[in-house]
């Protein structure tokens, strides 16, 4: 599972690192949205469900390869539910777009954290500290 977390961290770093090249020297306000931008509310829901999926797989005793294969399979199914076809870059392009607009991504992740914290509280767990 540590490898899955490392892969996820590397993927996120690649997304964020690649985001700076999207607009070049342009200011974030000048970067145009991709043709199939995922709306913010859908992006929040999708990210919450991806994080929950990842957390569930962390607690399953599978080899790293099996865990990754299961994650990718369930991720494809989740994308399908949001009308994102297999191999489509809509999610990556939308994430990059929101990443170039810091306040947009901050707002999205504030909602994601609120939702995940509410789920943890409902399940009787200990929520993350606010500064996390």
Foldseek 3Di string as FASTA:
>chain_A
DVVVVVVVVVVVCCLLVVLCVQQPPDQLVPRDADPQADDLVVLLVLVLVLVVLVVVLVPDPDDPVVSVVVSVVVNCVSVVVVVQHPPHCNSSRNVSSLSSVVVSVVVSVVSSLVVVQVVCVVVVHDRDDPVD
